[in-house]
Amino acid sequence: MREIGMREKITWEMISRRGAFSLLGLGAVLGLAVPTTVLTTSEAEAQTVGMERRENRRAGRQDRREDRRTARQDRREDRRNLYMQQK
């Protein structure tokens, strides 16, 4: 292992302005991203209850719609059978 000279060590530890601004920007983005992630997680948990309720309502509407369609078809068949009996 070779020994690093004082001049090499100093240049190695120096950081450019561009690098400093990149680190600053990265820190700012991470600082904003962490609270957003925490909020998103808590909102997602709260939304699942609403989503379940919405899915239940949707299933109920679909059931009622299918019942209406079946009843409508039955009424049509009854009318057709009645008409055919009258002939």
C-alpha atoms as a PDB file:
ATOM      1  CA  MET A   1       0.000   0.000   0.000  1.00  0.00           C
ATOM      2  CA  ARG A   2       1.487   3.328  -0.949  1.00  0.00           C
ATOM      3  CA  GLU A   3       1.417   6.379   1.211  1.00  0.00           C
ATOM      4  CA  ILE A   4      -0.693   9.281  -0.038  1.00  0.00           C
ATOM      5  CA  GLY A   5       1.120  12.587  -0.130  1.00  0.00           C
ATOM      6  CA  MET A   6      -0.279  15.704   1.497  1.00  0.00           C
ATOM      7  CA  ARG A   7      -1.038  17.333  -1.858  1.00  0.00           C
ATOM      8  CA  GLU A   8      -2.958  14.282  -3.151  1.00  0.00           C
ATOM      9  CA  LYS A   9      -4.943  14.058   0.078  1.00  0.00           C
ATOM     10  CA  ILE A  10      -6.038  17.688  -0.127  1.00  0.00           C
ATOM     11  CA  THR A  11      -7.110  17.456  -3.763  1.00  0.00           C
ATOM     12  CA  TRP A  12      -8.960  14.210  -2.983  1.00  0.00           C
ATOM     13  CA  GLU A  13     -10.990  15.858  -0.221  1.00  0.00           C
ATOM     14  CA  MET A  14     -11.842  18.978  -2.216  1.00  0.00           C
ATOM     15  CA  ILE A  15     -15.275  19.137  -3.747  1.00  0.00           C
ATOM     16  CA  SER A  16     -16.338  21.228  -6.688  1.00  0.00           C
ATOM     17  CA  ARG A  17     -19.091  23.798  -6.544  1.00  0.00           C
ATOM     18  CA  ARG A  18     -21.145  21.656  -8.896  1.00  0.00           C
ATOM     19  CA  GLY A  19     -20.739  18.683  -6.575  1.00  0.00           C
ATOM     20  CA  ALA A  20     -21.674  20.770  -3.547  1.00  0.00           C
ATOM     21  CA  PHE A  21     -24.832  22.043  -5.232  1.00  0.00           C
ATOM     22  CA  SER A  22     -25.702  18.498  -6.304  1.00  0.00           C
ATOM     23  CA  LEU A  23     -25.430  17.312  -2.716  1.00  0.00           C
ATOM     24  CA  LEU A  24     -27.458  20.269  -1.506  1.00  0.00           C
ATOM     25  CA  GLY A  25     -30.175  19.562  -4.072  1.00  0.00           C
ATOM     26  CA  LEU A  26     -30.202  15.881  -3.224  1.00  0.00           C
ATOM     27  CA  GLY A  27     -30.571  16.701   0.462  1.00  0.00           C
ATOM     28  CA  ALA A  28     -33.467  19.062  -0.263  1.00  0.00           C
ATOM     29  CA  VAL A  29     -35.234  16.472  -2.410  1.00  0.00           C
ATOM     30  CA  LEU A  30     -34.803  13.775   0.207  1.00  0.00           C
ATOM     31  CA  GLY A  31     -35.996  16.170   2.902  1.00  0.00           C
ATOM     32  CA  LEU A  32     -39.201  16.760   0.950  1.00  0.00           C
ATOM     33  CA  ALA A  33     -39.641  13.146  -0.140  1.00  0.00           C
ATOM     34  CA  VAL A  34     -39.576  11.601   3.329  1.00  0.00           C
ATOM     35  CA  PRO A  35     -42.553  13.557   4.769  1.00  0.00           C
ATOM     36  CA  THR A  36     -44.477  12.976   1.523  1.00  0.00           C
ATOM     37  CA  THR A  37     -43.866   9.239   1.809  1.00  0.00           C
ATOM     38  CA  VAL A  38     -45.076   9.229   5.394  1.00  0.00           C
ATOM     39  CA  LEU A  39     -48.226  11.155   4.448  1.00  0.00           C
ATOM     40  CA  THR A  40     -48.891   8.930   1.456  1.00  0.00           C
ATOM     41  CA  THR A  41     -48.684   5.815   3.586  1.00  0.00           C
ATOM     42  CA  SER A  42     -51.143   7.109   6.170  1.00  0.00           C
ATOM     43  CA  GLU A  43     -53.520   8.361   3.451  1.00  0.00           C
ATOM     44  CA  ALA A  44     -53.337   5.012   1.681  1.00  0.00           C
ATOM     45  CA  GLU A  45     -54.407   3.208   4.839  1.00  0.00           C
ATOM     46  CA  ALA A  46     -57.287   5.626   5.296  1.00  0.00           C
ATOM     47  CA  GLN A  47     -58.370   5.192   1.680  1.00  0.00           C
ATOM     48  CA  THR A  48     -58.661   1.417   1.920  1.00  0.00           C
ATOM     49  CA  VAL A  49     -61.720   1.726   4.172  1.00  0.00           C
ATOM     50  CA  GLY A  50     -63.338   4.061   1.653  1.00  0.00           C
ATOM     51  CA  MET A  51     -62.312   1.823  -1.197  1.00  0.00           C
ATOM     52  CA  GLU A  52     -63.887  -1.210   0.468  1.00  0.00           C
ATOM     53  CA  ARG A  53     -67.104   0.712   1.053  1.00  0.00           C
ATOM     54  CA  ARG A  54     -67.142   1.843  -2.581  1.00  0.00           C
ATOM     55  CA  GLU A  55     -66.554  -1.713  -3.805  1.00  0.00           C
ATOM     56  CA  ASN A  56     -69.426  -2.949  -1.637  1.00  0.00           C
ATOM     57  CA  ARG A  57     -71.748  -0.273  -3.032  1.00  0.00           C
ATOM     58  CA  ARG A  58     -70.647  -1.119  -6.558  1.00  0.00           C
ATOM     59  CA  ALA A  59     -71.308  -4.828  -5.978  1.00  0.00           C
ATOM     60  CA  GLY A  60     -74.760  -3.980  -4.620  1.00  0.00           C
ATOM     61  CA  ARG A  61     -75.552  -1.867  -7.680  1.00  0.00           C
ATOM     62  CA  GLN A  62     -74.414  -4.662  -9.982  1.00  0.00           C
ATOM     63  CA  ASP A  63     -76.592  -7.175  -8.140  1.00  0.00           C
ATOM     64  CA  ARG A  64     -79.639  -4.906  -8.340  1.00  0.00           C
ATOM     65  CA  ARG A  65     -78.985  -4.251 -12.032  1.00  0.00           C
ATOM     66  CA  GLU A  66     -78.770  -7.953 -12.758  1.00  0.00           C
ATOM     67  CA  ASP A  67     -81.980  -8.579 -10.791  1.00  0.00           C
ATOM     68  CA  ARG A  68     -83.784  -5.924 -12.872  1.00  0.00           C
ATOM     69  CA  ARG A  69     -82.519  -7.455 -16.111  1.00  0.00           C
ATOM     70  CA  THR A  70     -83.576 -10.946 -15.072  1.00  0.00           C
ATOM     71  CA  ALA A  71     -87.016  -9.682 -14.009  1.00  0.00           C
ATOM     72  CA  ARG A  72     -87.383  -7.827 -17.316  1.00  0.00           C
ATOM     73  CA  GLN A  73     -86.513 -10.961 -19.297  1.00  0.00           C
ATOM     74  CA  ASP A  74     -88.989 -13.005 -17.250  1.00  0.00           C
ATOM     75  CA  ARG A  75     -91.767 -10.477 -17.926  1.00  0.00           C
ATOM     76  CA  ARG A  76     -90.988 -10.542 -21.650  1.00  0.00           C
ATOM     77  CA  GLU A  77     -91.093 -14.343 -21.721  1.00  0.00           C
ATOM     78  CA  ASP A  78     -94.389 -14.323 -19.838  1.00  0.00           C
ATOM     79  CA  ARG A  79     -95.888 -11.877 -22.347  1.00  0.00           C
ATOM     80  CA  ARG A  80     -94.604 -13.939 -25.286  1.00  0.00           C
ATOM     81  CA  ASN A  81     -95.997 -17.139 -23.811  1.00  0.00           C
ATOM     82  CA  LEU A  82     -99.349 -15.444 -23.163  1.00  0.00           C
ATOM     83  CA  TYR A  83     -99.428 -14.111 -26.732  1.00  0.00           C
ATOM     84  CA  MET A  84     -98.584 -17.543 -28.144  1.00  0.00           C
ATOM     85  CA  GLN A  85    -101.358 -19.167 -26.074  1.00  0.00           C
ATOM     86  CA  GLN A  86    -103.911 -16.699 -27.419  1.00  0.00           C
ATOM     87  CA  LYS A  87    -103.176 -17.631 -31.036  1.00  0.00           C
END
